[in-house]
Amino acid sequence: MKALPILAGATGMVFVGGSVAVSGHLAEAPLFTVQALRYAVACLLLLAWSRRSGAAPSPGAAPSPGAAPSPGAVASPGAVASPGAAAVPVTRGGRLSWPRGAEWLWLLGVTGTGLLLFNVALVRGAAHAEPAVLGVAVACVPVLLAAGGPLLEGRTPALRVLAAAVVVTAGAALVQGLGRADATGLGWAFVTFACEAAFTLLAVPVLGRHGPLGVSVHTTWLAAVLFGVTGLIVEGPGAVFRLGAPELLAGAYLAVAVTAVAFLLWYTCVARIGAGRAGLLTGVAPISAAVAGMALGGPAPRPLVWLGMATVAAGLALGLTSRTPSPAERGRPLSARPAGRQFFSTSE
């Protein structure tokens, strides 16, 4: 198991967990407008990083053959999409690359479920369920990623990673605690769980061609467009003028740390160690949230929370110390696997 990808994924989850306290400053802010600004700024930062790292192409680079840019899209290098703007080409292998064919569906799936619907579910669910209920729903994601991630990568799920995912989920649930919810709240909790898993699983088929940076750029400009259009319809064009300094600062943190940086770190981790093992690291987020709350003046964690942290650590040790499948293995069709390993793998 390589340490750097694990560190990248864990750091991304630390940023995500720390966002819980920051997001409290956005409780009264226009949701869709703030999110549109967040993802537009994140997209700008990611494109700036691609240029600084030498991935940007020379002027005049054309989209990939068979690309399907949205109507009115401009294929100029470094083009940036704000809400309602043209599609943004992304970098891979030293050139700009457009999604092709079904790749648009995968990327729209990541954006529509993992970003747009996820944020709506959190807000709507909070009106019918205590935060712990939604937190526990998200804590169940490692199990789904451990089972579904390898299948999307052309491998069989590893029993050891599945067992580790159950341990991490149990530990994260202890950290989050239990809460009350009505039937509607439970429904939104399930939507939150599904959307959180979709953010990783739906990106797996496009990570190979576009890479972590490409997927991050595509999902951020698509999110800026979707949130921007929704914000104009639901909140009106004047919503942006209702944002004060606290909301803008909170949005800036979400744009820089939780989106531009965390997305790139997370998808790098998924691309290097696979979605199943990367999913174990989502257990770091509730721990980060608990520690951040204490650092900001909150009470010290209760004994059950400390027990949960230790349980998460045990699950991570169990799942992340096994051998990482090579890229060739991750791309091998299930039908090409050796006989006797068509359902679960115990050696990976």
Protein backbone atom coordinates (compact mmCIF):
# COMPACT_ATOMS: atom_id res chain seq x y z
CA MET A 1 0.00 0.00 0.00
CA LYS A 2 1.51 3.35 -1.02
CA ALA A 3 1.56 6.00 1.69
CA LEU A 4 1.25 9.16 -0.41
CA PRO A 5 -2.15 8.35 -1.99
CA ILE A 6 -3.48 7.39 1.45
CA LEU A 7 -2.17 10.64 2.90
CA ALA A 8 -3.80 12.56 0.04
CA GLY A 9 -7.18 10.93 0.62
CA ALA A 10 -6.99 11.37 4.39
CA THR A 11 -6.06 15.03 4.03
CA GLY A 12 -9.00 15.59 1.72
CA MET A 13 -11.32 14.04 4.29
CA VAL A 14 -9.82 16.24 7.03
CA PHE A 15 -10.83 19.29 5.00
CA VAL A 16 -14.30 17.86 4.46
CA GLY A 17 -14.74 17.13 8.15
CA GLY A 18 -13.55 20.59 9.10
CA SER A 19 -16.17 22.12 6.83
CA VAL A 20 -18.95 21.12 9.22
CA ALA A 21 -18.21 24.00 11.58
CA VAL A 22 -17.69 26.44 8.70
CA SER A 23 -20.95 25.48 6.99
CA GLY A 24 -22.86 26.71 10.02
CA HIS A 25 -22.21 30.26 8.82
CA LEU A 26 -24.18 29.51 5.65
CA ALA A 27 -27.37 28.34 7.37
CA GLU A 28 -29.28 31.51 6.40
CA ALA A 29 -27.49 32.16 3.11
CA PRO A 30 -29.06 31.50 -0.33
CA LEU A 31 -27.93 27.89 -0.81
CA PHE A 32 -27.74 27.61 -4.59
CA THR A 33 -26.10 31.00 -5.13
CA VAL A 34 -23.39 30.33 -2.56
CA GLN A 35 -22.68 26.91 -4.04
CA ALA A 36 -22.53 28.34 -7.57
CA LEU A 37 -19.90 30.85 -6.47
CA ARG A 38 -18.05 28.16 -4.55
CA TYR A 39 -17.69 25.83 -7.52
CA ALA A 40 -16.94 28.63 -10.00
CA VAL A 41 -14.06 29.85 -7.81
CA ALA A 42 -12.84 26.28 -7.32
CA CYS A 43 -12.84 25.71 -11.07
CA LEU A 44 -10.75 28.86 -11.59
CA LEU A 45 -8.25 27.67 -8.99
CA LEU A 46 -7.99 24.22 -10.56
CA LEU A 47 -7.43 25.67 -14.02
CA ALA A 48 -4.78 28.01 -12.61
CA TRP A 49 -3.08 25.00 -11.03
CA SER A 50 -3.15 23.12 -14.32
CA ARG A 51 -1.37 26.01 -16.04
CA ARG A 52 1.18 26.41 -13.26
CA SER A 53 1.97 22.70 -13.28
CA GLY A 54 2.61 22.79 -17.02
CA ALA A 55 -0.46 20.82 -18.07
CA ALA A 56 -2.06 23.61 -20.10
CA PRO A 57 -1.74 23.25 -23.89
CA SER A 58 -0.44 25.67 -26.45
CA PRO A 59 -2.94 28.10 -28.00
CA GLY A 60 -5.16 26.62 -30.65
CA ALA A 61 -5.46 23.16 -29.15
CA ALA A 62 -8.58 21.46 -30.36
CA PRO A 63 -11.02 19.29 -28.47
CA SER A 64 -10.58 15.55 -28.62
CA PRO A 65 -12.09 13.81 -31.66
CA GLY A 66 -15.68 12.93 -31.06
CA ALA A 67 -16.03 15.44 -28.26
CA ALA A 68 -19.45 16.78 -27.56
CA PRO A 69 -19.17 20.33 -26.18
CA SER A 70 -22.34 21.94 -25.02
CA PRO A 71 -24.02 24.50 -27.30
CA GLY A 72 -22.05 27.72 -27.49
CA ALA A 73 -18.97 26.25 -25.89
CA VAL A 74 -15.67 27.94 -26.62
CA ALA A 75 -12.60 25.73 -26.88
CA SER A 76 -10.05 28.40 -26.03
CA PRO A 77 -7.27 27.33 -23.69
CA GLY A 78 -7.94 28.18 -20.10
CA ALA A 79 -11.58 28.98 -20.71
CA VAL A 80 -13.51 29.09 -17.48
CA ALA A 81 -17.19 28.43 -17.04
CA SER A 82 -19.18 30.42 -14.57
CA PRO A 83 -22.88 29.76 -14.05
CA GLY A 84 -24.48 29.76 -17.46
CA ALA A 85 -21.17 29.96 -19.34
CA ALA A 86 -19.74 27.63 -21.98
CA ALA A 87 -18.25 24.24 -21.22
CA VAL A 88 -14.66 24.09 -20.02
CA PRO A 89 -12.05 21.82 -21.59
CA VAL A 90 -9.73 20.11 -19.14
CA THR A 91 -6.14 19.02 -19.17
CA ARG A 92 -4.75 15.55 -19.48
CA GLY A 93 -1.39 14.46 -20.78
CA GLY A 94 -0.39 18.04 -21.70
CA ARG A 95 -3.49 18.90 -23.74
CA LEU A 96 -7.04 19.99 -23.25
CA SER A 97 -9.50 17.15 -23.33
CA TRP A 98 -13.26 17.13 -23.71
CA PRO A 99 -15.48 14.35 -22.42
CA ARG A 100 -16.67 12.01 -25.13
CA GLY A 101 -19.96 10.17 -25.47
CA ALA A 102 -21.01 8.46 -22.25
CA GLU A 103 -18.34 10.34 -20.28
CA TRP A 104 -20.72 13.29 -20.19
CA LEU A 105 -23.29 11.11 -18.44
CA TRP A 106 -20.81 9.90 -15.82
CA LEU A 107 -19.62 13.44 -15.09
CA LEU A 108 -23.16 14.81 -14.98
CA GLY A 109 -24.02 11.95 -12.65
CA VAL A 110 -21.18 12.91 -10.30
CA THR A 111 -22.24 16.55 -10.38
CA GLY A 112 -26.00 16.10 -10.24
CA THR A 113 -25.99 13.55 -7.42
CA GLY A 114 -22.71 13.97 -5.55
CA LEU A 115 -22.82 17.76 -5.51
CA LEU A 116 -26.25 19.25 -6.34
CA LEU A 117 -28.65 16.69 -4.87
CA PHE A 118 -26.30 15.95 -1.96
CA ASN A 119 -26.36 19.56 -0.78
CA VAL A 120 -30.13 19.75 -1.20
CA ALA A 121 -30.54 16.54 0.80
CA LEU A 122 -28.43 17.92 3.64
CA VAL A 123 -30.50 21.09 3.87
CA ARG A 124 -33.89 19.43 3.49
CA GLY A 125 -32.91 16.53 5.72
CA ALA A 126 -31.79 18.85 8.51
CA ALA A 127 -35.40 20.03 8.84
CA HIS A 128 -36.61 16.48 9.58
CA ALA A 129 -33.62 14.75 11.19
CA GLU A 130 -30.94 15.54 13.72
CA PRO A 131 -27.42 16.02 12.27
CA ALA A 132 -26.27 12.70 13.70
CA VAL A 133 -28.79 10.83 11.53
CA LEU A 134 -27.37 12.34 8.35
CA GLY A 135 -23.85 11.78 9.65
CA VAL A 136 -24.47 8.09 10.25
CA ALA A 137 -25.95 7.79 6.75
CA VAL A 138 -22.74 9.17 5.28
CA ALA A 139 -20.74 6.91 7.60
CA CYS A 140 -22.23 3.87 5.82
CA VAL A 141 -20.59 4.86 2.53
CA PRO A 142 -17.37 2.82 3.01
CA VAL A 143 -19.33 -0.44 2.79
CA LEU A 144 -20.92 0.51 -0.53
CA LEU A 145 -17.61 1.74 -1.95
CA ALA A 146 -15.83 -1.43 -0.82
CA ALA A 147 -18.40 -3.52 -2.70
CA GLY A 148 -19.19 -1.34 -5.71
CA GLY A 149 -15.84 0.31 -6.36
CA PRO A 150 -13.94 -2.85 -7.35
CA LEU A 151 -16.81 -3.94 -9.62
CA LEU A 152 -16.61 -0.66 -11.55
CA GLU A 153 -12.83 -1.10 -11.77
CA GLY A 154 -13.20 -4.60 -13.21
CA ARG A 155 -12.24 -6.49 -10.06
CA THR A 156 -13.94 -8.58 -7.44
CA PRO A 157 -14.50 -7.05 -3.98
CA ALA A 158 -11.92 -8.04 -1.38
CA LEU A 159 -13.34 -9.60 1.79
CA ARG A 160 -10.66 -7.94 3.90
CA VAL A 161 -11.59 -4.48 2.62
CA LEU A 162 -15.30 -5.22 3.08
CA ALA A 163 -14.65 -6.25 6.68
CA ALA A 164 -12.57 -3.13 7.23
CA ALA A 165 -15.37 -1.00 5.78
CA VAL A 166 -17.83 -2.45 8.30
CA VAL A 167 -15.41 -1.64 11.13
CA VAL A 168 -14.86 1.92 9.87
CA THR A 169 -18.61 2.44 9.50
CA ALA A 170 -19.22 1.24 13.06
CA GLY A 171 -16.51 3.55 14.37
CA ALA A 172 -17.80 6.54 12.42
CA ALA A 173 -21.31 5.88 13.73
CA LEU A 174 -19.96 5.95 17.29
CA VAL A 175 -18.25 9.26 16.58
CA GLN A 176 -21.42 10.73 15.07
CA GLY A 177 -23.75 9.37 17.72
CA LEU A 178 -27.42 8.60 17.22
CA GLY A 179 -30.26 10.99 16.59
CA ARG A 180 -33.98 11.22 15.94
CA ALA A 181 -35.74 11.58 12.61
CA ASP A 182 -39.19 11.27 11.09
CA ALA A 183 -39.93 9.26 7.95
CA THR A 184 -39.07 12.18 5.69
CA GLY A 185 -35.78 12.68 7.50
CA LEU A 186 -34.88 9.03 7.05
CA GLY A 187 -35.66 9.36 3.35
CA TRP A 188 -33.35 12.34 3.00
CA ALA A 189 -30.70 10.47 4.99
CA PHE A 190 -30.82 7.65 2.44
CA VAL A 191 -30.54 10.18 -0.40
CA THR A 192 -27.52 11.69 1.35
CA PHE A 193 -25.92 8.25 1.63
CA ALA A 194 -26.53 7.43 -2.03
CA CYS A 195 -25.26 10.79 -3.26
CA GLU A 196 -22.10 10.61 -1.17
CA ALA A 197 -21.32 7.19 -2.65
CA ALA A 198 -22.14 8.38 -6.18
CA PHE A 199 -19.56 11.16 -5.89
CA THR A 200 -16.83 8.50 -5.91
CA LEU A 201 -18.38 5.58 -7.78
CA LEU A 202 -19.59 7.54 -10.82
CA ALA A 203 -16.14 9.08 -11.23
CA VAL A 204 -14.36 5.73 -11.52
CA PRO A 205 -15.12 5.17 -15.26
CA VAL A 206 -13.72 8.59 -16.25
CA LEU A 207 -10.68 8.82 -13.97
CA GLY A 208 -8.64 6.68 -16.33
CA ARG A 209 -8.82 9.08 -19.29
CA HIS A 210 -9.22 12.44 -17.57
CA GLY A 211 -7.25 11.90 -14.37
CA PRO A 212 -7.97 13.50 -10.98
CA LEU A 213 -7.43 17.04 -12.26
CA GLY A 214 -9.65 16.58 -15.29
CA VAL A 215 -12.50 15.08 -13.29
CA SER A 216 -12.19 17.81 -10.66
CA VAL A 217 -12.33 20.60 -13.24
CA HIS A 218 -15.25 19.08 -15.10
CA THR A 219 -17.33 18.48 -12.00
CA THR A 220 -16.69 21.97 -10.64
CA TRP A 221 -17.71 23.86 -13.77
CA LEU A 222 -20.73 21.62 -14.24
CA ALA A 223 -21.69 22.23 -10.61
CA ALA A 224 -21.27 25.99 -11.06
CA VAL A 225 -23.64 25.88 -14.02
CA LEU A 226 -26.24 23.65 -12.32
CA PHE A 227 -26.22 25.60 -9.06
CA GLY A 228 -26.15 28.92 -10.91
CA VAL A 229 -29.18 28.14 -13.05
CA THR A 230 -31.06 26.71 -10.07
CA GLY A 231 -30.15 29.76 -8.00
CA LEU A 232 -31.45 32.15 -10.63
CA ILE A 233 -34.75 30.28 -10.76
CA VAL A 234 -35.26 29.63 -7.04
CA GLU A 235 -33.47 32.53 -5.32
CA GLY A 236 -33.41 35.21 -8.00
CA PRO A 237 -30.52 37.20 -9.50
CA GLY A 238 -30.33 39.49 -6.46
CA ALA A 239 -29.46 36.67 -4.06
CA VAL A 240 -25.73 37.30 -4.41
CA PHE A 241 -26.16 40.77 -2.88
CA ARG A 242 -27.59 39.24 0.29
CA LEU A 243 -24.25 37.62 1.13
CA GLY A 244 -22.29 39.24 3.94
CA ALA A 245 -18.65 38.93 4.95
CA PRO A 246 -19.13 35.78 7.10
CA GLU A 247 -20.92 33.97 4.27
CA LEU A 248 -18.30 35.01 1.73
CA LEU A 249 -15.44 33.87 3.98
CA ALA A 250 -17.14 30.54 4.64
CA GLY A 251 -17.76 30.12 0.92
CA ALA A 252 -14.12 30.92 0.19
CA TYR A 253 -12.96 28.19 2.57
CA LEU A 254 -15.32 25.70 0.94
CA ALA A 255 -14.11 26.72 -2.53
CA VAL A 256 -10.39 26.48 -1.76
CA ALA A 257 -9.96 23.73 0.83
CA VAL A 258 -13.07 21.56 0.56
CA THR A 259 -13.46 21.75 -3.22
CA ALA A 260 -10.34 22.66 -5.22
CA VAL A 261 -7.85 20.99 -2.88
CA ALA A 262 -9.96 18.18 -1.42
CA PHE A 263 -11.40 17.09 -4.79
CA LEU A 264 -7.95 16.82 -6.32
CA LEU A 265 -6.55 14.95 -3.33
CA TRP A 266 -9.53 12.60 -3.13
CA TYR A 267 -9.64 11.65 -6.80
CA THR A 268 -5.86 11.18 -6.79
CA CYS A 269 -6.30 8.71 -3.95
CA VAL A 270 -9.15 6.89 -5.73
CA ALA A 271 -7.13 6.65 -8.95
CA ARG A 272 -4.07 5.25 -7.15
CA ILE A 273 -5.50 2.77 -4.62
CA GLY A 274 -9.01 2.12 -5.95
CA ALA A 275 -12.44 3.27 -4.80
CA GLY A 276 -12.88 0.42 -2.31
CA ARG A 277 -9.84 1.19 -0.20
CA ALA A 278 -10.18 4.94 -0.65
CA GLY A 279 -13.70 4.67 0.73
CA LEU A 280 -12.27 3.59 4.08
CA LEU A 281 -10.76 7.05 4.45
CA THR A 282 -14.20 8.66 4.60
CA GLY A 283 -14.14 7.56 8.23
CA VAL A 284 -11.59 10.32 8.82
CA ALA A 285 -14.18 13.05 8.12
CA PRO A 286 -16.32 12.65 11.28
CA ILE A 287 -13.16 12.45 13.39
CA SER A 288 -11.94 15.68 11.81
CA ALA A 289 -15.33 17.28 12.49
CA ALA A 290 -15.17 16.28 16.17
CA VAL A 291 -11.62 17.56 16.58
CA ALA A 292 -12.42 20.81 14.74
CA GLY A 293 -15.44 21.38 16.97
CA MET A 294 -13.28 20.97 20.06
CA ALA A 295 -10.60 23.29 18.63
CA LEU A 296 -13.23 25.97 18.03
CA GLY A 297 -14.31 25.94 21.65
CA GLY A 298 -16.69 23.01 21.75
CA PRO A 299 -16.77 20.40 24.51
CA ALA A 300 -14.27 17.56 24.62
CA PRO A 301 -15.44 14.36 22.92
CA ARG A 302 -17.31 11.87 25.09
CA PRO A 303 -15.82 8.41 25.81
CA LEU A 304 -17.95 6.82 23.07
CA VAL A 305 -16.49 9.26 20.56
CA TRP A 306 -12.95 8.29 21.55
CA LEU A 307 -13.94 4.65 21.22
CA GLY A 308 -15.29 5.42 17.76
CA MET A 309 -12.03 7.07 16.76
CA ALA A 310 -10.08 4.02 17.88
CA THR A 311 -12.47 1.77 15.97
CA VAL A 312 -12.02 3.81 12.78
CA ALA A 313 -8.24 3.58 13.21
CA ALA A 314 -8.49 -0.20 13.57
CA GLY A 315 -10.59 -0.44 10.41
CA LEU A 316 -8.12 1.68 8.48
CA ALA A 317 -5.24 -0.49 9.65
CA LEU A 318 -7.10 -3.62 8.59
CA GLY A 319 -8.05 -2.40 5.14
CA LEU A 320 -5.09 -0.24 4.14
CA THR A 321 -2.27 -2.61 5.03
CA SER A 322 -3.22 -5.14 2.35
CA ARG A 323 -1.68 -5.18 -1.11
CA THR A 324 -2.89 -2.55 -3.56
CA PRO A 325 -3.97 -4.00 -6.94
CA SER A 326 -1.90 -2.69 -9.82
CA PRO A 327 -3.52 -0.45 -12.47
CA ALA A 328 -3.51 -3.43 -14.85
CA GLU A 329 -5.42 -5.53 -12.32
CA ARG A 330 -7.90 -2.74 -11.69
CA GLY A 331 -8.66 -2.62 -15.38
CA ARG A 332 -8.95 -6.39 -15.89
CA PRO A 333 -12.48 -7.56 -16.74
CA LEU A 334 -14.15 -9.84 -14.23
CA SER A 335 -14.39 -12.57 -16.83
CA ALA A 336 -10.61 -12.58 -17.10
CA ARG A 337 -10.07 -13.22 -13.41
CA PRO A 338 -8.84 -16.66 -12.36
CA ALA A 339 -11.47 -19.28 -11.60
CA GLY A 340 -12.66 -19.34 -8.02
CA ARG A 341 -12.44 -15.55 -7.64
CA GLN A 342 -15.62 -14.50 -9.36
CA PHE A 343 -17.45 -13.34 -6.23
CA PHE A 344 -15.02 -12.19 -3.56
CA SER A 345 -11.28 -11.94 -3.24
CA THR A 346 -9.60 -12.79 0.04
CA SER A 347 -5.98 -12.13 -0.87
CA GLU A 348 -6.14 -8.46 -1.89
